[in-house]
PDB file of N, CA and C in Angstrom:
ATOM      1  N   MET A   1     -10.978   2.746   7.266  1.00  0.00           N
ATOM      2  CA  MET A   1      -9.809   3.534   6.872  1.00  0.00           C
ATOM      3  C   MET A   1      -9.927   3.847   5.382  1.00  0.00           C
ATOM      4  N   ASN A   2      -9.629   5.056   5.004  1.00  0.00           N
ATOM      5  CA  ASN A   2      -9.793   5.489   3.622  1.00  0.00           C
ATOM      6  C   ASN A   2      -8.507   5.373   2.799  1.00  0.00           C
ATOM      7  N   GLY A   3      -7.521   4.641   3.288  1.00  0.00           N
ATOM      8  CA  GLY A   3      -6.280   4.487   2.542  1.00  0.00           C
ATOM      9  C   GLY A   3      -5.228   5.517   2.880  1.00  0.00           C
ATOM     10  N   VAL A   4      -5.533   6.438   3.804  1.00  0.00           N
ATOM     11  CA  VAL A   4      -4.543   7.417   4.263  1.00  0.00           C
ATOM     12  C   VAL A   4      -4.396   7.252   5.770  1.00  0.00           C
ATOM     13  N   TRP A   5      -3.184   6.955   6.192  1.00  0.00           N
ATOM     14  CA  TRP A   5      -2.881   6.693   7.592  1.00  0.00           C
ATOM     15  C   TRP A   5      -1.905   7.742   8.097  1.00  0.00           C
ATOM     16  N   THR A   6      -1.987   8.066   9.372  1.00  0.00           N
ATOM     17  CA  THR A   6      -0.908   8.847   9.982  1.00  0.00           C
ATOM     18  C   THR A   6       0.212   7.853  10.299  1.00  0.00           C
ATOM     19  N   SER A   7       1.390   8.351  10.539  1.00  0.00           N
ATOM     20  CA  SER A   7       2.492   7.438  10.860  1.00  0.00           C
ATOM     21  C   SER A   7       2.211   6.690  12.157  1.00  0.00           C
ATOM     22  N   LYS A   8       1.563   7.331  13.108  1.00  0.00           N
ATOM     23  CA  LYS A   8       1.215   6.668  14.376  1.00  0.00           C
ATOM     24  C   LYS A   8       0.185   5.567  14.149  1.00  0.00           C
ATOM     25  N   GLU A   9      -0.827   5.822  13.314  1.00  0.00           N
ATOM     26  CA  GLU A   9      -1.829   4.796  13.004  1.00  0.00           C
ATOM     27  C   GLU A   9      -1.173   3.604  12.316  1.00  0.00           C
ATOM     28  N   ALA A  10      -0.285   3.884  11.376  1.00  0.00           N
ATOM     29  CA  ALA A  10       0.401   2.809  10.649  1.00  0.00           C
ATOM     30  C   ALA A  10       1.255   1.982  11.601  1.00  0.00           C
ATOM     31  N   GLU A  11       1.947   2.648  12.497  1.00  0.00           N
ATOM     32  CA  GLU A  11       2.800   1.963  13.465  1.00  0.00           C
ATOM     33  C   GLU A  11       1.981   1.053  14.375  1.00  0.00           C
ATOM     34  N   GLY A  12       0.831   1.523  14.791  1.00  0.00           N
ATOM     35  CA  GLY A  12       0.006   0.767  15.714  1.00  0.00           C
ATOM     36  C   GLY A  12      -0.860  -0.301  15.058  1.00  0.00           C
ATOM     37  N   ASN A  13      -0.971  -0.270  13.742  1.00  0.00           N
ATOM     38  CA  ASN A  13      -1.846  -1.189  13.015  1.00  0.00           C
ATOM     39  C   ASN A  13      -1.136  -1.812  11.813  1.00  0.00           C
ATOM     40  N   LEU A  14       0.098  -2.216  11.989  1.00  0.00           N
ATOM     41  CA  LEU A  14       0.884  -2.696  10.856  1.00  0.00           C
ATOM     42  C   LEU A  14       0.226  -3.876  10.138  1.00  0.00           C
ATOM     43  N   THR A  15      -0.296  -4.831  10.878  1.00  0.00           N
ATOM     44  CA  THR A  15      -0.923  -5.991  10.258  1.00  0.00           C
ATOM     45  C   THR A  15      -2.114  -5.564   9.405  1.00  0.00           C
ATOM     46  N   ARG A  16      -2.939  -4.698   9.938  1.00  0.00           N
ATOM     47  CA  ARG A  16      -4.109  -4.201   9.191  1.00  0.00           C
ATOM     48  C   ARG A  16      -3.677  -3.389   7.973  1.00  0.00           C
ATOM     49  N   LEU A  17      -2.654  -2.574   8.129  1.00  0.00           N
ATOM     50  CA  LEU A  17      -2.125  -1.775   7.029  1.00  0.00           C
ATOM     51  C   LEU A  17      -1.663  -2.675   5.886  1.00  0.00           C
ATOM     52  N   LEU A  18      -0.899  -3.711   6.219  1.00  0.00           N
ATOM     53  CA  LEU A  18      -0.411  -4.634   5.192  1.00  0.00           C
ATOM     54  C   LEU A  18      -1.558  -5.381   4.525  1.00  0.00           C
ATOM     55  N   GLU A  19      -2.536  -5.815   5.313  1.00  0.00           N
ATOM     56  CA  GLU A  19      -3.686  -6.531   4.771  1.00  0.00           C
ATOM     57  C   GLU A  19      -4.481  -5.644   3.805  1.00  0.00           C
ATOM     58  N   GLN A  20      -4.681  -4.394   4.183  1.00  0.00           N
ATOM     59  CA  GLN A  20      -5.425  -3.489   3.301  1.00  0.00           C
ATOM     60  C   GLN A  20      -4.639  -3.167   2.038  1.00  0.00           C
ATOM     61  N   ALA A  21      -3.336  -3.077   2.133  1.00  0.00           N
ATOM     62  CA  ALA A  21      -2.533  -2.857   0.930  1.00  0.00           C
ATOM     63  C   ALA A  21      -2.673  -4.045  -0.013  1.00  0.00           C
ATOM     64  N   ARG A  22      -2.777  -5.244   0.562  1.00  0.00           N
ATOM     65  CA  ARG A  22      -2.905  -6.457  -0.253  1.00  0.00           C
ATOM     66  C   ARG A  22      -4.299  -6.590  -0.844  1.00  0.00           C
ATOM     67  N   THR A  23      -5.335  -6.307  -0.068  1.00  0.00           N
ATOM     68  CA  THR A  23      -6.699  -6.576  -0.510  1.00  0.00           C
ATOM     69  C   THR A  23      -7.409  -5.386  -1.156  1.00  0.00           C
ATOM     70  N   ILE A  24      -7.094  -4.171  -0.714  1.00  0.00           N
ATOM     71  CA  ILE A  24      -7.794  -2.983  -1.206  1.00  0.00           C
ATOM     72  C   ILE A  24      -6.974  -2.238  -2.249  1.00  0.00           C
ATOM     73  N   GLY A  25      -5.686  -2.107  -1.977  1.00  0.00           N
ATOM     74  CA  GLY A  25      -4.829  -1.362  -2.890  1.00  0.00           C
ATOM     75  C   GLY A  25      -3.850  -0.503  -2.110  1.00  0.00           C
ATOM     76  N   PRO A  26      -3.108   0.328  -2.807  1.00  0.00           N
ATOM     77  CA  PRO A  26      -2.080   1.138  -2.166  1.00  0.00           C
ATOM     78  C   PRO A  26      -2.615   1.930  -0.971  1.00  0.00           C
ATOM     79  N   GLN A  27      -1.823   1.968   0.086  1.00  0.00           N
ATOM     80  CA  GLN A  27      -2.154   2.710   1.295  1.00  0.00           C
ATOM     81  C   GLN A  27      -1.142   3.847   1.441  1.00  0.00           C
ATOM     82  N   ARG A  28      -1.624   5.000   1.847  1.00  0.00           N
ATOM     83  CA  ARG A  28      -0.758   6.168   2.006  1.00  0.00           C
ATOM     84  C   ARG A  28      -0.514   6.417   3.494  1.00  0.00           C
ATOM     85  N   ILE A  29       0.738   6.687   3.804  1.00  0.00           N
ATOM     86  CA  ILE A  29       1.129   6.973   5.183  1.00  0.00           C
ATOM     87  C   ILE A  29       1.683   8.393   5.199  1.00  0.00           C
ATOM     88  N   ARG A  30       1.031   9.246   5.974  1.00  0.00           N
ATOM     89  CA  ARG A  30       1.411  10.658   6.013  1.00  0.00           C
ATOM     90  C   ARG A  30       2.168  10.940   7.309  1.00  0.00           C
ATOM     91  N   ASP A  31       3.303  11.621   7.170  1.00  0.00           N
ATOM     92  CA  ASP A  31       3.998  12.141   8.348  1.00  0.00           C
ATOM     93  C   ASP A  31       4.494  13.539   8.025  1.00  0.00           C
ATOM     94  N   LYS A  32       5.275  14.122   8.911  1.00  0.00           N
ATOM     95  CA  LYS A  32       5.684  15.519   8.728  1.00  0.00           C
ATOM     96  C   LYS A  32       6.620  15.727   7.538  1.00  0.00           C
ATOM     97  N   THR A  33       7.203  14.655   7.012  1.00  0.00           N
ATOM     98  CA  THR A  33       8.121  14.803   5.877  1.00  0.00           C
ATOM     99  C   THR A  33       7.459  14.543   4.531  1.00  0.00           C
ATOM    100  N   GLY A  34       6.247  14.015   4.537  1.00  0.00           N
ATOM    101  CA  GLY A  34       5.570  13.764   3.273  1.00  0.00           C
ATOM    102  C   GLY A  34       4.606  12.599   3.355  1.00  0.00           C
ATOM    103  N   ILE A  35       4.216  12.113   2.190  1.00  0.00           N
ATOM    104  CA  ILE A  35       3.300  10.980   2.093  1.00  0.00           C
ATOM    105  C   ILE A  35       4.053   9.826   1.443  1.00  0.00           C
ATOM    106  N   TYR A  36       3.975   8.665   2.087  1.00  0.00           N
ATOM    107  CA  TYR A  36       4.613   7.457   1.580  1.00  0.00           C
ATOM    108  C   TYR A  36       3.516   6.510   1.120  1.00  0.00           C
ATOM    109  N   VAL A  37       3.751   5.798   0.034  1.00  0.00           N
ATOM    110  CA  VAL A  37       2.753   4.883  -0.504  1.00  0.00           C
ATOM    111  C   VAL A  37       3.245   3.452  -0.328  1.00  0.00           C
ATOM    112  N   LEU A  38       2.388   2.643   0.292  1.00  0.00           N
ATOM    113  CA  LEU A  38       2.685   1.230   0.483  1.00  0.00           C
ATOM    114  C   LEU A  38       1.815   0.443  -0.482  1.00  0.00           C
ATOM    115  N   LYS A  39       2.449  -0.323  -1.354  1.00  0.00           N
ATOM    116  CA  LYS A  39       1.686  -1.152  -2.278  1.00  0.00           C
ATOM    117  C   LYS A  39       2.327  -2.523  -2.352  1.00  0.00           C
ATOM    118  N   VAL A  40       1.533  -3.486  -2.757  1.00  0.00           N
ATOM    119  CA  VAL A  40       2.002  -4.863  -2.869  1.00  0.00           C
ATOM    120  C   VAL A  40       2.416  -5.114  -4.308  1.00  0.00           C
ATOM    121  N   GLU A  41       3.569  -5.729  -4.494  1.00  0.00           N
ATOM    122  CA  GLU A  41       4.027  -6.125  -5.815  1.00  0.00           C
ATOM    123  C   GLU A  41       4.010  -7.641  -5.893  1.00  0.00           C
ATOM    124  N   ASP A  42       3.842  -8.145  -7.103  1.00  0.00           N
ATOM    125  CA  ASP A  42       3.864  -9.595  -7.297  1.00  0.00           C
ATOM    126  C   ASP A  42       5.205 -10.162  -6.864  1.00  0.00           C
ATOM    127  N   ASP A  43       5.152 -11.359  -6.301  1.00  0.00           N
ATOM    128  CA  ASP A  43       6.368 -12.063  -5.910  1.00  0.00           C
ATOM    129  C   ASP A  43       6.764 -12.963  -7.075  1.00  0.00           C
ATOM    130  N   PHE A  44       7.641 -12.472  -7.921  1.00  0.00           N
ATOM    131  CA  PHE A  44       8.004 -13.209  -9.124  1.00  0.00           C
ATOM    132  C   PHE A  44       8.938 -14.384  -8.848  1.00  0.00           C
ATOM    133  N   SER A  45       9.288 -14.603  -7.578  1.00  0.00           N
ATOM    134  CA  SER A  45      10.134 -15.752  -7.255  1.00  0.00           C
ATOM    135  C   SER A  45       9.311 -17.030  -7.201  1.00  0.00           C
ATOM    136  N   LYS A  46       7.988 -16.903  -7.106  1.00  0.00           N
ATOM    137  CA  LYS A  46       7.117 -18.072  -7.089  1.00  0.00           C
ATOM    138  C   LYS A  46       6.829 -18.502  -8.525  1.00  0.00           C
ATOM    139  N   ALA A  47       6.736 -19.792  -8.717  1.00  0.00           N
ATOM    140  CA  ALA A  47       6.456 -20.313 -10.051  1.00  0.00           C
ATOM    141  C   ALA A  47       5.060 -19.906 -10.504  1.00  0.00           C
ATOM    142  N   ASP A  48       4.929 -19.608 -11.785  1.00  0.00           N
ATOM    143  CA  ASP A  48       3.637 -19.301 -12.379  1.00  0.00           C
ATOM    144  C   ASP A  48       2.785 -20.565 -12.395  1.00  0.00           C
ATOM    145  N   ALA A  49       1.512 -20.470 -12.059  1.00  0.00           N
ATOM    146  CA  ALA A  49       0.628 -21.634 -11.984  1.00  0.00           C
ATOM    147  C   ALA A  49       0.544 -22.369 -13.316  1.00  0.00           C
ATOM    148  N   ALA A  50       0.440 -21.633 -14.412  1.00  0.00           N
ATOM    149  CA  ALA A  50       0.349 -22.270 -15.730  1.00  0.00           C
ATOM    150  C   ALA A  50       1.632 -23.038 -16.051  1.00  0.00           C
ATOM    151  N   GLU A  51       2.778 -22.453 -15.737  1.00  0.00           N
ATOM    152  CA  GLU A  51       4.048 -23.137 -15.984  1.00  0.00           C
ATOM    153  C   GLU A  51       4.151 -24.399 -15.145  1.00  0.00           C
ATOM    154  N   SER A  52       3.716 -24.336 -13.907  1.00  0.00           N
ATOM    155  CA  SER A  52       3.758 -25.510 -13.030  1.00  0.00           C
ATOM    156  C   SER A  52       2.887 -26.629 -13.568  1.00  0.00           C
ATOM    157  N   MET A  53       1.698 -26.287 -14.065  1.00  0.00           N
ATOM    158  CA  MET A  53       0.798 -27.304 -14.614  1.00  0.00           C
ATOM    159  C   MET A  53       1.376 -27.925 -15.878  1.00  0.00           C
ATOM    160  N   LEU A  54       2.025 -27.113 -16.704  1.00  0.00           N
ATOM    161  CA  LEU A  54       2.636 -27.654 -17.916  1.00  0.00           C
ATOM    162  C   LEU A  54       3.735 -28.657 -17.593  1.00  0.00           C
ATOM    163  N   LYS A  55       4.475 -28.423 -16.547  1.00  0.00           N
ATOM    164  CA  LYS A  55       5.538 -29.344 -16.152  1.00  0.00           C
ATOM    165  C   LYS A  55       4.967 -30.677 -15.663  1.00  0.00           C
ATOM    166  N   LEU A  56       3.749 -30.671 -15.131  1.00  0.00           N
ATOM    167  CA  LEU A  56       3.134 -31.871 -14.592  1.00  0.00           C
ATOM    168  C   LEU A  56       2.353 -32.675 -15.627  1.00  0.00           C
ATOM    169  N   ARG A  57       2.152 -32.138 -16.819  1.00  0.00           N
ATOM    170  CA  ARG A  57       1.352 -32.832 -17.822  1.00  0.00           C
ATOM    171  C   ARG A  57       2.056 -34.093 -18.300  1.00  0.00           C
ATOM    172  N   PRO A  58       1.292 -35.096 -18.721  1.00  0.00           N
ATOM    173  CA  PRO A  58       1.899 -36.327 -19.231  1.00  0.00           C
ATOM    174  C   PRO A  58       2.708 -36.026 -20.504  1.00  0.00           C
ATOM    175  N   LYS A  59       3.816 -36.663 -20.635  1.00  0.00           N
ATOM    176  CA  LYS A  59       4.665 -36.468 -21.817  1.00  0.00           C
ATOM    177  C   LYS A  59       4.450 -37.608 -22.792  1.00  0.00           C
ATOM    178  N   GLY A  60       4.461 -37.276 -24.077  1.00  0.00           N
ATOM    179  CA  GLY A  60       4.378 -38.330 -25.088  1.00  0.00           C
ATOM    180  C   GLY A  60       3.166 -38.353 -25.845  1.00  0.00           C
TER     181      GLY A  60
END
């Protein structure tokens, strides 16, 4: 897949579409009303790894 999906392809391959958006980059879904772009954004609700490690360091 070259990153451009028809709406029917996207509907039938949702898991693959999401995986490619995560691993390859933004995926475009084309239908009769236009082109929609699916991209993954960082989940900022998860703790930053560096911050987590700093909290675990020995104090003193």
